[in-house]
N, C-alpha and C. Protein backbone atom coordinates (compact mmCIF):
# COMPACT_ATOMS: atom_id res chain seq x y z
N MET A 1 93.70 137.35 71.55
CA MET A 1 94.23 136.75 72.78
C MET A 1 95.07 135.52 72.44
N THR A 2 96.24 135.43 73.04
CA THR A 2 97.13 134.30 72.78
C THR A 2 96.55 133.02 73.37
N GLU A 3 96.59 131.95 72.57
CA GLU A 3 96.07 130.67 73.04
C GLU A 3 97.00 130.09 74.11
N THR A 4 96.40 129.58 75.18
CA THR A 4 97.17 128.92 76.23
C THR A 4 97.31 127.44 75.90
N ARG A 5 98.53 126.93 75.97
CA ARG A 5 98.78 125.52 75.69
C ARG A 5 99.45 124.88 76.90
N LEU A 6 99.10 123.64 77.13
CA LEU A 6 99.71 122.84 78.18
C LEU A 6 100.80 121.97 77.58
N LEU A 7 101.94 121.91 78.24
CA LEU A 7 103.02 121.02 77.83
C LEU A 7 103.11 119.88 78.84
N LEU A 8 103.00 118.67 78.36
CA LEU A 8 103.12 117.48 79.21
C LEU A 8 104.56 117.00 79.18
N ALA A 9 105.24 117.11 80.33
CA ALA A 9 106.65 116.71 80.42
C ALA A 9 106.75 115.23 80.77
N SER A 10 106.14 114.40 79.95
CA SER A 10 106.08 112.97 80.24
C SER A 10 105.90 112.19 78.95
N ALA A 11 106.49 111.01 78.91
CA ALA A 11 106.33 110.12 77.77
C ALA A 11 105.18 109.14 77.99
N SER A 12 104.47 109.27 79.09
CA SER A 12 103.42 108.32 79.45
C SER A 12 102.25 108.39 78.47
N PRO A 13 101.97 107.31 77.75
CA PRO A 13 100.80 107.31 76.86
C PRO A 13 99.50 107.38 77.65
N ALA A 14 99.49 106.86 78.88
CA ALA A 14 98.28 106.91 79.70
C ALA A 14 97.93 108.34 80.07
N ARG A 15 98.93 109.13 80.46
CA ARG A 15 98.66 110.53 80.81
C ARG A 15 98.16 111.31 79.59
N LEU A 16 98.74 111.03 78.45
CA LEU A 16 98.30 111.69 77.23
C LEU A 16 96.86 111.32 76.90
N ARG A 17 96.51 110.05 77.08
CA ARG A 17 95.13 109.62 76.82
C ARG A 17 94.15 110.31 77.76
N ILE A 18 94.51 110.45 79.03
CA ILE A 18 93.63 111.11 79.99
C ILE A 18 93.35 112.55 79.56
N LEU A 19 94.40 113.26 79.19
CA LEU A 19 94.23 114.66 78.80
C LEU A 19 93.42 114.77 77.52
N ARG A 20 93.68 113.92 76.56
CA ARG A 20 92.92 113.98 75.31
C ARG A 20 91.45 113.66 75.53
N ALA A 21 91.17 112.69 76.39
CA ALA A 21 89.78 112.35 76.69
C ALA A 21 89.06 113.50 77.39
N ALA A 22 89.84 114.35 78.08
CA ALA A 22 89.27 115.51 78.77
C ALA A 22 89.20 116.74 77.87
N GLY A 23 89.52 116.57 76.58
CA GLY A 23 89.40 117.68 75.64
C GLY A 23 90.64 118.53 75.49
N ILE A 24 91.78 118.04 76.01
CA ILE A 24 93.02 118.83 75.95
C ILE A 24 94.05 118.11 75.09
N GLU A 25 94.61 118.82 74.14
CA GLU A 25 95.67 118.28 73.28
C GLU A 25 96.98 118.97 73.66
N PRO A 26 97.77 118.35 74.55
CA PRO A 26 98.98 119.03 75.01
C PRO A 26 100.13 118.91 74.02
N VAL A 27 101.06 119.82 74.16
CA VAL A 27 102.38 119.63 73.56
C VAL A 27 103.08 118.58 74.42
N VAL A 28 103.75 117.63 73.81
CA VAL A 28 104.43 116.57 74.57
C VAL A 28 105.94 116.71 74.42
N LYS A 29 106.60 116.86 75.56
CA LYS A 29 108.06 116.94 75.56
C LYS A 29 108.56 116.19 76.80
N PRO A 30 108.84 114.91 76.66
CA PRO A 30 109.28 114.12 77.82
C PRO A 30 110.57 114.66 78.42
N SER A 31 110.66 114.59 79.73
CA SER A 31 111.91 114.99 80.40
C SER A 31 112.92 113.86 80.26
N ASP A 32 114.19 114.21 80.43
CA ASP A 32 115.23 113.19 80.40
C ASP A 32 115.74 112.88 81.81
N VAL A 33 114.89 113.16 82.80
CA VAL A 33 115.25 112.94 84.20
C VAL A 33 115.35 111.44 84.49
N ASP A 34 116.43 111.04 85.12
CA ASP A 34 116.61 109.66 85.57
C ASP A 34 116.00 109.55 86.96
N GLU A 35 114.86 108.87 87.05
CA GLU A 35 114.12 108.82 88.31
C GLU A 35 114.93 108.22 89.44
N ARG A 36 115.66 107.16 89.15
CA ARG A 36 116.43 106.50 90.21
C ARG A 36 117.55 107.40 90.73
N SER A 37 118.17 108.14 89.82
CA SER A 37 119.24 109.04 90.24
C SER A 37 118.68 110.17 91.12
N VAL A 38 117.55 110.73 90.70
CA VAL A 38 116.93 111.79 91.50
C VAL A 38 116.51 111.26 92.86
N ARG A 39 115.93 110.08 92.86
CA ARG A 39 115.50 109.47 94.13
C ARG A 39 116.69 109.24 95.06
N ASP A 40 117.77 108.72 94.51
CA ASP A 40 118.97 108.47 95.33
C ASP A 40 119.53 109.78 95.87
N TYR A 41 119.54 110.82 95.04
CA TYR A 41 120.06 112.13 95.46
C TYR A 41 119.20 112.71 96.59
N LEU A 42 117.88 112.64 96.44
CA LEU A 42 116.99 113.19 97.45
C LEU A 42 117.15 112.46 98.78
N ARG A 43 117.27 111.15 98.71
CA ARG A 43 117.41 110.38 99.94
C ARG A 43 118.74 110.67 100.62
N ALA A 44 119.78 110.90 99.81
CA ALA A 44 121.09 111.23 100.39
C ALA A 44 121.06 112.61 101.04
N GLU A 45 120.32 113.55 100.42
CA GLU A 45 120.26 114.91 100.93
C GLU A 45 119.34 115.05 102.13
N ARG A 46 118.20 114.34 102.10
CA ARG A 46 117.16 114.57 103.11
C ARG A 46 116.91 113.38 104.03
N GLY A 47 117.51 112.27 103.72
CA GLY A 47 117.20 111.06 104.48
C GLY A 47 115.94 110.41 103.92
N THR A 48 115.20 109.73 104.76
CA THR A 48 114.00 109.03 104.31
C THR A 48 112.92 110.02 103.90
N LEU A 49 112.35 109.82 102.71
CA LEU A 49 111.26 110.65 102.21
C LEU A 49 109.95 109.88 102.33
N SER A 50 108.87 110.57 102.64
CA SER A 50 107.57 109.92 102.60
C SER A 50 107.22 109.65 101.14
N PRO A 51 106.44 108.61 100.86
CA PRO A 51 106.07 108.34 99.46
C PRO A 51 105.40 109.53 98.75
N PRO A 52 104.48 110.28 99.40
CA PRO A 52 103.91 111.43 98.70
C PRO A 52 104.96 112.49 98.36
N THR A 53 105.89 112.72 99.27
CA THR A 53 106.96 113.69 99.01
C THR A 53 107.85 113.23 97.87
N GLU A 54 108.14 111.95 97.83
CA GLU A 54 108.97 111.42 96.74
C GLU A 54 108.30 111.62 95.40
N ALA A 55 106.99 111.33 95.32
CA ALA A 55 106.26 111.52 94.07
C ALA A 55 106.27 112.98 93.65
N LEU A 56 106.09 113.88 94.62
CA LEU A 56 106.04 115.31 94.30
C LEU A 56 107.40 115.83 93.85
N GLU A 57 108.46 115.41 94.51
CA GLU A 57 109.80 115.88 94.14
C GLU A 57 110.23 115.36 92.77
N LEU A 58 109.85 114.15 92.45
CA LEU A 58 110.16 113.62 91.12
C LEU A 58 109.37 114.37 90.05
N ALA A 59 108.12 114.70 90.35
CA ALA A 59 107.31 115.50 89.42
C ALA A 59 107.95 116.87 89.23
N ARG A 60 108.45 117.45 90.32
CA ARG A 60 109.12 118.75 90.23
C ARG A 60 110.36 118.66 89.35
N ALA A 61 111.17 117.63 89.54
CA ALA A 61 112.40 117.49 88.75
C ALA A 61 112.08 117.41 87.27
N LYS A 62 111.04 116.68 86.93
CA LYS A 62 110.67 116.53 85.52
C LYS A 62 110.15 117.85 84.93
N ALA A 63 109.28 118.53 85.69
CA ALA A 63 108.72 119.79 85.21
C ALA A 63 109.82 120.83 85.03
N GLU A 64 110.71 120.95 86.02
CA GLU A 64 111.75 121.96 85.95
C GLU A 64 112.75 121.67 84.84
N ALA A 65 113.05 120.40 84.60
CA ALA A 65 114.01 120.04 83.55
C ALA A 65 113.49 120.48 82.18
N VAL A 66 112.21 120.33 81.96
CA VAL A 66 111.63 120.71 80.67
C VAL A 66 111.36 122.21 80.60
N ALA A 67 110.87 122.78 81.69
CA ALA A 67 110.50 124.20 81.70
C ALA A 67 111.70 125.11 81.45
N ALA A 68 112.89 124.64 81.80
CA ALA A 68 114.10 125.46 81.63
C ALA A 68 114.30 125.88 80.18
N GLY A 69 113.82 125.10 79.23
CA GLY A 69 114.00 125.41 77.82
C GLY A 69 112.73 125.78 77.11
N VAL A 70 111.70 126.19 77.86
CA VAL A 70 110.39 126.44 77.27
C VAL A 70 109.93 127.86 77.58
N VAL A 71 109.31 128.50 76.60
CA VAL A 71 108.71 129.82 76.79
C VAL A 71 107.30 129.80 76.19
N GLY A 72 106.35 130.39 76.91
CA GLY A 72 105.01 130.56 76.35
C GLY A 72 104.04 129.44 76.61
N LEU A 73 104.45 128.44 77.39
CA LEU A 73 103.58 127.30 77.66
C LEU A 73 103.45 127.08 79.17
N VAL A 74 102.44 126.32 79.54
CA VAL A 74 102.28 125.91 80.94
C VAL A 74 102.73 124.45 81.03
N VAL A 75 103.74 124.20 81.84
CA VAL A 75 104.39 122.89 81.89
C VAL A 75 103.82 122.05 83.03
N LEU A 76 103.54 120.79 82.74
CA LEU A 76 103.06 119.85 83.75
C LEU A 76 104.03 118.68 83.87
N GLY A 77 104.57 118.47 85.07
CA GLY A 77 105.37 117.29 85.36
C GLY A 77 104.61 116.41 86.34
N CYS A 78 104.66 115.11 86.13
CA CYS A 78 103.97 114.16 87.00
C CYS A 78 104.88 112.98 87.33
N ASP A 79 104.64 112.40 88.49
CA ASP A 79 105.29 111.14 88.82
C ASP A 79 104.41 110.38 89.79
N SER A 80 104.37 109.07 89.62
CA SER A 80 103.54 108.22 90.48
C SER A 80 104.39 107.17 91.18
N VAL A 81 104.02 106.90 92.43
CA VAL A 81 104.64 105.81 93.19
C VAL A 81 103.54 105.08 93.94
N LEU A 82 103.78 103.82 94.20
CA LEU A 82 102.85 103.03 95.01
C LEU A 82 103.44 102.89 96.40
N GLU A 83 102.65 103.25 97.41
CA GLU A 83 103.09 103.08 98.79
C GLU A 83 102.56 101.76 99.35
N LEU A 84 103.48 100.93 99.80
CA LEU A 84 103.13 99.66 100.42
C LEU A 84 104.01 99.50 101.65
N ASP A 85 103.39 99.35 102.80
CA ASP A 85 104.14 99.23 104.06
C ASP A 85 105.06 100.42 104.29
N GLY A 86 104.62 101.61 103.87
CA GLY A 86 105.40 102.81 104.10
C GLY A 86 106.53 103.06 103.13
N THR A 87 106.72 102.17 102.17
CA THR A 87 107.78 102.29 101.18
C THR A 87 107.21 102.68 99.82
N ALA A 88 107.90 103.56 99.10
CA ALA A 88 107.46 103.98 97.77
C ALA A 88 108.08 103.09 96.71
N TYR A 89 107.26 102.62 95.79
CA TYR A 89 107.72 101.78 94.68
C TYR A 89 107.34 102.43 93.36
N GLY A 90 108.33 102.56 92.48
CA GLY A 90 108.07 103.06 91.13
C GLY A 90 107.97 101.90 90.16
N LYS A 91 108.58 102.07 88.99
CA LYS A 91 108.58 100.99 88.01
C LYS A 91 109.56 99.90 88.45
N PRO A 92 109.20 98.63 88.29
CA PRO A 92 110.15 97.55 88.60
C PRO A 92 111.36 97.62 87.68
N ALA A 93 112.52 97.25 88.20
CA ALA A 93 113.74 97.31 87.40
C ALA A 93 113.80 96.19 86.37
N ASP A 94 113.18 95.05 86.69
CA ASP A 94 113.24 93.89 85.80
C ASP A 94 112.10 92.94 86.16
N PRO A 95 111.89 91.87 85.36
CA PRO A 95 110.79 90.95 85.63
C PRO A 95 110.85 90.31 87.01
N ASP A 96 112.04 89.97 87.49
CA ASP A 96 112.15 89.36 88.81
C ASP A 96 111.62 90.29 89.89
N GLU A 97 111.96 91.56 89.78
CA GLU A 97 111.46 92.53 90.77
C GLU A 97 109.95 92.67 90.67
N ALA A 98 109.41 92.63 89.45
CA ALA A 98 107.95 92.73 89.27
C ALA A 98 107.24 91.54 89.92
N VAL A 99 107.80 90.35 89.77
CA VAL A 99 107.22 89.16 90.39
C VAL A 99 107.25 89.29 91.92
N GLN A 100 108.38 89.72 92.45
CA GLN A 100 108.50 89.90 93.90
C GLN A 100 107.51 90.95 94.41
N ARG A 101 107.36 92.00 93.64
CA ARG A 101 106.45 93.08 94.03
C ARG A 101 105.02 92.56 94.12
N TRP A 102 104.60 91.84 93.09
CA TRP A 102 103.23 91.33 93.07
C TRP A 102 103.01 90.27 94.16
N SER A 103 104.04 89.55 94.49
CA SER A 103 103.92 88.57 95.57
C SER A 103 103.63 89.25 96.91
N ARG A 104 104.11 90.48 97.06
CA ARG A 104 103.82 91.26 98.28
C ARG A 104 102.48 91.97 98.19
N MET A 105 102.12 92.42 97.00
CA MET A 105 100.91 93.23 96.82
C MET A 105 99.62 92.42 96.87
N ARG A 106 99.64 91.21 96.36
CA ARG A 106 98.39 90.47 96.17
C ARG A 106 97.63 90.27 97.49
N GLY A 107 96.32 90.46 97.40
CA GLY A 107 95.47 90.30 98.57
C GLY A 107 95.57 91.43 99.57
N ARG A 108 96.29 92.50 99.22
CA ARG A 108 96.50 93.61 100.15
C ARG A 108 96.10 94.93 99.50
N SER A 109 96.28 96.00 100.24
CA SER A 109 95.97 97.34 99.74
C SER A 109 97.21 98.21 99.76
N GLY A 110 97.32 99.09 98.79
CA GLY A 110 98.38 100.08 98.74
C GLY A 110 97.79 101.43 98.38
N VAL A 111 98.61 102.46 98.41
CA VAL A 111 98.16 103.80 98.05
C VAL A 111 98.99 104.32 96.89
N LEU A 112 98.32 104.68 95.82
CA LEU A 112 99.00 105.21 94.65
C LEU A 112 99.03 106.74 94.78
N HIS A 113 100.23 107.29 94.86
CA HIS A 113 100.42 108.73 94.97
C HIS A 113 100.94 109.28 93.64
N THR A 114 100.31 110.33 93.15
CA THR A 114 100.81 111.00 91.95
C THR A 114 101.11 112.45 92.28
N GLY A 115 102.36 112.84 92.07
CA GLY A 115 102.75 114.23 92.23
C GLY A 115 102.46 114.99 90.96
N HIS A 116 101.92 116.19 91.10
CA HIS A 116 101.63 117.09 89.98
C HIS A 116 102.38 118.39 90.22
N TRP A 117 103.18 118.81 89.25
CA TRP A 117 103.93 120.07 89.39
C TRP A 117 103.70 120.90 88.13
N VAL A 118 103.13 122.08 88.31
CA VAL A 118 102.80 122.98 87.20
C VAL A 118 103.69 124.21 87.25
N ILE A 119 104.28 124.56 86.13
CA ILE A 119 105.09 125.77 86.01
C ILE A 119 104.54 126.61 84.85
N ASP A 120 104.19 127.84 85.15
CA ASP A 120 103.64 128.74 84.13
C ASP A 120 104.78 129.49 83.46
N ARG A 121 105.09 129.11 82.22
CA ARG A 121 106.19 129.73 81.48
C ARG A 121 105.68 130.72 80.43
N ARG A 122 104.46 131.24 80.63
CA ARG A 122 103.93 132.21 79.68
C ARG A 122 104.54 133.59 79.86
N ASP A 123 105.09 133.85 81.03
CA ASP A 123 105.66 135.15 81.31
C ASP A 123 106.72 135.00 82.40
N SER A 124 107.35 136.10 82.77
CA SER A 124 108.35 136.07 83.83
C SER A 124 107.91 137.04 84.93
N PRO A 125 107.98 136.64 86.21
CA PRO A 125 108.48 135.36 86.72
C PRO A 125 107.54 134.21 86.39
N SER A 126 108.01 132.99 86.62
CA SER A 126 107.25 131.79 86.27
C SER A 126 106.74 131.12 87.54
N PRO A 127 105.48 131.39 87.91
CA PRO A 127 104.95 130.78 89.13
C PRO A 127 104.77 129.28 88.97
N SER A 128 104.86 128.57 90.08
CA SER A 128 104.63 127.12 90.05
C SER A 128 103.65 126.75 91.16
N ARG A 129 102.94 125.68 90.95
CA ARG A 129 102.01 125.15 91.94
C ARG A 129 102.13 123.63 91.92
N ALA A 130 101.88 123.00 93.07
CA ALA A 130 102.08 121.55 93.15
C ALA A 130 101.10 120.92 94.13
N ALA A 131 100.80 119.67 93.90
CA ALA A 131 99.93 118.92 94.81
C ALA A 131 100.11 117.43 94.53
N VAL A 132 99.75 116.63 95.52
CA VAL A 132 99.76 115.18 95.39
C VAL A 132 98.34 114.66 95.50
N ALA A 133 97.98 113.75 94.61
CA ALA A 133 96.70 113.05 94.70
C ALA A 133 96.98 111.61 95.13
N SER A 134 96.17 111.08 96.04
CA SER A 134 96.40 109.74 96.58
C SER A 134 95.13 108.90 96.48
N THR A 135 95.28 107.69 95.99
CA THR A 135 94.15 106.77 95.79
C THR A 135 94.50 105.41 96.36
N THR A 136 93.61 104.87 97.17
CA THR A 136 93.83 103.55 97.75
C THR A 136 93.42 102.46 96.77
N VAL A 137 94.28 101.47 96.61
CA VAL A 137 94.06 100.39 95.64
C VAL A 137 94.04 99.06 96.39
N HIS A 138 92.97 98.28 96.17
CA HIS A 138 92.84 96.97 96.80
C HIS A 138 93.12 95.90 95.73
N PHE A 139 94.17 95.12 95.95
CA PHE A 139 94.61 94.13 94.96
C PHE A 139 93.96 92.77 95.21
N ALA A 140 93.67 92.08 94.13
CA ALA A 140 93.13 90.72 94.24
C ALA A 140 94.23 89.76 94.70
N ASP A 141 93.82 88.68 95.30
CA ASP A 141 94.77 87.67 95.77
C ASP A 141 95.04 86.70 94.63
N ILE A 142 95.85 87.15 93.68
CA ILE A 142 96.08 86.37 92.46
C ILE A 142 97.11 85.27 92.70
N THR A 143 97.09 84.29 91.81
CA THR A 143 97.95 83.12 91.96
C THR A 143 99.36 83.39 91.42
N ASP A 144 100.28 82.48 91.76
CA ASP A 144 101.63 82.58 91.21
C ASP A 144 101.62 82.51 89.69
N ASN A 145 100.78 81.65 89.14
CA ASN A 145 100.70 81.53 87.68
C ASN A 145 100.19 82.82 87.04
N GLU A 146 99.22 83.45 87.68
CA GLU A 146 98.71 84.72 87.14
C GLU A 146 99.77 85.80 87.21
N ILE A 147 100.52 85.83 88.29
CA ILE A 147 101.61 86.81 88.40
C ILE A 147 102.63 86.59 87.28
N ALA A 148 103.04 85.34 87.10
CA ALA A 148 104.04 85.03 86.08
C ALA A 148 103.53 85.41 84.69
N ALA A 149 102.27 85.11 84.41
CA ALA A 149 101.71 85.42 83.09
C ALA A 149 101.62 86.92 82.89
N TYR A 150 101.23 87.64 83.93
CA TYR A 150 101.11 89.10 83.81
C TYR A 150 102.47 89.75 83.60
N VAL A 151 103.45 89.35 84.38
CA VAL A 151 104.79 89.92 84.23
C VAL A 151 105.36 89.60 82.85
N ALA A 152 105.06 88.43 82.34
CA ALA A 152 105.56 88.02 81.02
C ALA A 152 105.03 88.92 79.89
N THR A 153 103.90 89.59 80.12
CA THR A 153 103.37 90.50 79.08
C THR A 153 104.22 91.76 78.97
N GLY A 154 104.99 92.07 80.00
CA GLY A 154 105.80 93.28 79.99
C GLY A 154 105.11 94.51 80.53
N GLU A 155 103.78 94.46 80.67
CA GLU A 155 103.05 95.64 81.12
C GLU A 155 103.51 96.16 82.49
N PRO A 156 103.72 95.29 83.48
CA PRO A 156 104.11 95.80 84.81
C PRO A 156 105.44 96.53 84.83
N LEU A 157 106.29 96.29 83.83
CA LEU A 157 107.61 96.92 83.82
C LEU A 157 107.57 98.37 83.39
N ASP A 158 106.46 98.79 82.81
CA ASP A 158 106.37 100.13 82.23
C ASP A 158 105.57 101.11 83.09
N VAL A 159 105.08 100.65 84.25
CA VAL A 159 104.18 101.50 85.03
C VAL A 159 104.57 101.49 86.51
N ALA A 160 104.33 102.63 87.16
CA ALA A 160 104.62 102.74 88.59
C ALA A 160 103.77 101.75 89.37
N GLY A 161 104.38 101.09 90.34
CA GLY A 161 103.64 100.13 91.14
C GLY A 161 103.47 98.78 90.49
N ALA A 162 103.90 98.64 89.24
CA ALA A 162 103.84 97.36 88.51
C ALA A 162 102.41 96.92 88.19
N PHE A 163 101.50 97.89 88.01
CA PHE A 163 100.13 97.51 87.65
C PHE A 163 99.44 98.68 86.95
N THR A 164 98.37 98.35 86.26
CA THR A 164 97.48 99.36 85.70
C THR A 164 96.04 98.96 86.03
N ILE A 165 95.13 99.92 85.87
CA ILE A 165 93.71 99.57 85.94
C ILE A 165 93.04 99.73 84.58
N ASP A 166 93.81 100.23 83.60
CA ASP A 166 93.25 100.47 82.27
C ASP A 166 93.88 99.56 81.24
N GLY A 167 94.41 98.43 81.69
CA GLY A 167 95.04 97.48 80.78
C GLY A 167 94.84 96.08 81.30
N LEU A 168 95.83 95.23 81.06
CA LEU A 168 95.73 93.83 81.47
C LEU A 168 95.63 93.68 82.98
N GLY A 169 96.23 94.62 83.71
CA GLY A 169 96.22 94.53 85.17
C GLY A 169 94.90 94.87 85.81
N GLY A 170 93.95 95.39 85.05
CA GLY A 170 92.68 95.81 85.61
C GLY A 170 91.93 94.69 86.31
N ALA A 171 92.08 93.47 85.82
CA ALA A 171 91.38 92.33 86.41
C ALA A 171 91.95 91.94 87.77
N PHE A 172 93.12 92.45 88.08
CA PHE A 172 93.78 92.09 89.34
C PHE A 172 93.62 93.17 90.42
N VAL A 173 92.78 94.16 90.13
CA VAL A 173 92.47 95.21 91.10
C VAL A 173 90.99 95.09 91.46
N GLU A 174 90.70 94.79 92.70
CA GLU A 174 89.31 94.54 93.12
C GLU A 174 88.54 95.82 93.39
N GLN A 175 89.22 96.85 93.88
CA GLN A 175 88.51 98.06 94.27
C GLN A 175 89.49 99.20 94.43
N ILE A 176 89.01 100.42 94.18
CA ILE A 176 89.83 101.59 94.48
C ILE A 176 88.98 102.57 95.27
N ALA A 177 89.64 103.36 96.10
CA ALA A 177 88.97 104.40 96.87
C ALA A 177 89.66 105.72 96.56
N GLY A 178 89.00 106.53 95.76
CA GLY A 178 89.60 107.79 95.33
C GLY A 178 89.45 107.98 93.83
N ASP A 179 90.27 108.85 93.29
CA ASP A 179 90.20 109.23 91.88
C ASP A 179 90.81 108.14 91.00
N PRO A 180 90.01 107.47 90.15
CA PRO A 180 90.58 106.42 89.29
C PRO A 180 91.58 106.95 88.27
N ALA A 181 91.36 108.17 87.76
CA ALA A 181 92.31 108.73 86.79
C ALA A 181 93.68 108.92 87.40
N ASN A 182 93.72 109.18 88.70
CA ASN A 182 95.00 109.33 89.38
C ASN A 182 95.80 108.05 89.32
N VAL A 183 95.13 106.91 89.41
CA VAL A 183 95.82 105.61 89.34
C VAL A 183 96.38 105.39 87.94
N ILE A 184 95.69 105.90 86.95
CA ILE A 184 96.15 105.73 85.57
C ILE A 184 97.33 106.64 85.26
N GLY A 185 97.37 107.82 85.89
CA GLY A 185 98.52 108.67 85.60
C GLY A 185 98.47 110.09 86.12
N LEU A 186 97.25 110.69 86.19
CA LEU A 186 97.14 112.04 86.73
C LEU A 186 95.69 112.30 87.12
N SER A 187 95.52 113.19 88.08
CA SER A 187 94.20 113.57 88.55
C SER A 187 93.76 114.84 87.83
N LEU A 188 92.69 114.76 87.07
CA LEU A 188 92.20 115.93 86.36
C LEU A 188 91.70 117.00 87.32
N THR A 189 91.07 116.60 88.42
CA THR A 189 90.55 117.58 89.36
C THR A 189 91.69 118.34 90.04
N VAL A 190 92.75 117.62 90.40
CA VAL A 190 93.91 118.29 90.99
C VAL A 190 94.56 119.22 89.98
N LEU A 191 94.72 118.75 88.75
CA LEU A 191 95.34 119.58 87.72
C LEU A 191 94.51 120.83 87.46
N ARG A 192 93.20 120.71 87.43
CA ARG A 192 92.34 121.88 87.19
C ARG A 192 92.57 122.93 88.27
N ARG A 193 92.67 122.50 89.54
CA ARG A 193 92.89 123.45 90.63
C ARG A 193 94.26 124.13 90.52
N LEU A 194 95.28 123.35 90.18
CA LEU A 194 96.61 123.93 90.05
C LEU A 194 96.67 124.96 88.92
N LEU A 195 96.04 124.64 87.81
CA LEU A 195 96.02 125.57 86.69
C LEU A 195 95.26 126.84 87.06
N ALA A 196 94.16 126.70 87.77
CA ALA A 196 93.40 127.88 88.20
C ALA A 196 94.26 128.78 89.08
N ASP A 197 95.12 128.16 89.89
CA ASP A 197 95.99 128.93 90.79
C ASP A 197 97.02 129.79 90.05
N VAL A 198 97.35 129.40 88.81
CA VAL A 198 98.28 130.22 88.02
C VAL A 198 97.54 131.00 86.94
N GLY A 199 96.21 131.06 87.07
CA GLY A 199 95.43 131.89 86.17
C GLY A 199 95.05 131.28 84.85
N VAL A 200 95.01 129.95 84.79
CA VAL A 200 94.64 129.27 83.55
C VAL A 200 93.26 128.63 83.72
N SER A 201 92.34 129.02 82.87
CA SER A 201 91.00 128.43 82.88
C SER A 201 91.04 127.05 82.24
N TRP A 202 90.45 126.07 82.91
CA TRP A 202 90.41 124.71 82.38
C TRP A 202 89.75 124.65 81.01
N THR A 203 88.62 125.34 80.87
CA THR A 203 87.89 125.26 79.61
C THR A 203 88.63 125.97 78.47
N ALA A 204 89.54 126.88 78.81
CA ALA A 204 90.33 127.55 77.77
C ALA A 204 91.32 126.59 77.11
N LEU A 205 91.60 125.46 77.78
CA LEU A 205 92.53 124.47 77.23
C LEU A 205 91.84 123.47 76.31
N TRP A 206 90.52 123.46 76.34
CA TRP A 206 89.81 122.51 75.48
C TRP A 206 90.13 122.77 74.01
N VAL A 207 90.27 121.70 73.27
CA VAL A 207 90.52 121.80 71.84
C VAL A 207 89.32 122.45 71.19
N LYS A 208 89.56 123.52 70.44
CA LYS A 208 88.47 124.23 69.77
C LYS A 208 87.99 123.41 68.58
N GLN A 209 86.69 123.18 68.54
CA GLN A 209 86.10 122.41 67.44
C GLN A 209 85.81 123.34 66.26
N PRO A 210 86.05 122.86 65.04
CA PRO A 210 85.78 123.72 63.85
C PRO A 210 84.29 123.97 63.68
């Protein structure tokens, strides 16, 4: 029987860590999708998008861009956005934007949405399945000095919503309601369901021990 392999269409080290901790060693092939360009195109075509829809469509763009050149693998594309006051926020463009973002976020709650898009490229036709996982995040009311120090580390510039819970930003998140792995990068429970829908057993992806 041919071994089933998952391809992660993302350069995110956090997503890779989540999968490895769950016993899965994916093939990694980051997409070259420009998130801002895709976002601008979608908004021009459809008007205002809800934050969950934006996360899902960006995940789709990444999965499809990589899947077009892949045969024999199951491709996973993901994208995360933070919803605050009905607006979706991805990675900050620069430190000033990160500071402004945290000035709005502190002491409040937002919803982290992660789009998951799976394309089965083991055969033709190539079925796809998709879902969004959403987790509510309650931010601490941190000081201006703490914001400045955190942004100066560079961490907020590399992650959707300008924060993490598995790094330096963890101390600035007071509580979450929902799947914590989703906040880090992807929901394992959502991914398991999507894979099952295209006929892939979760346990079949586990790294075989010698």
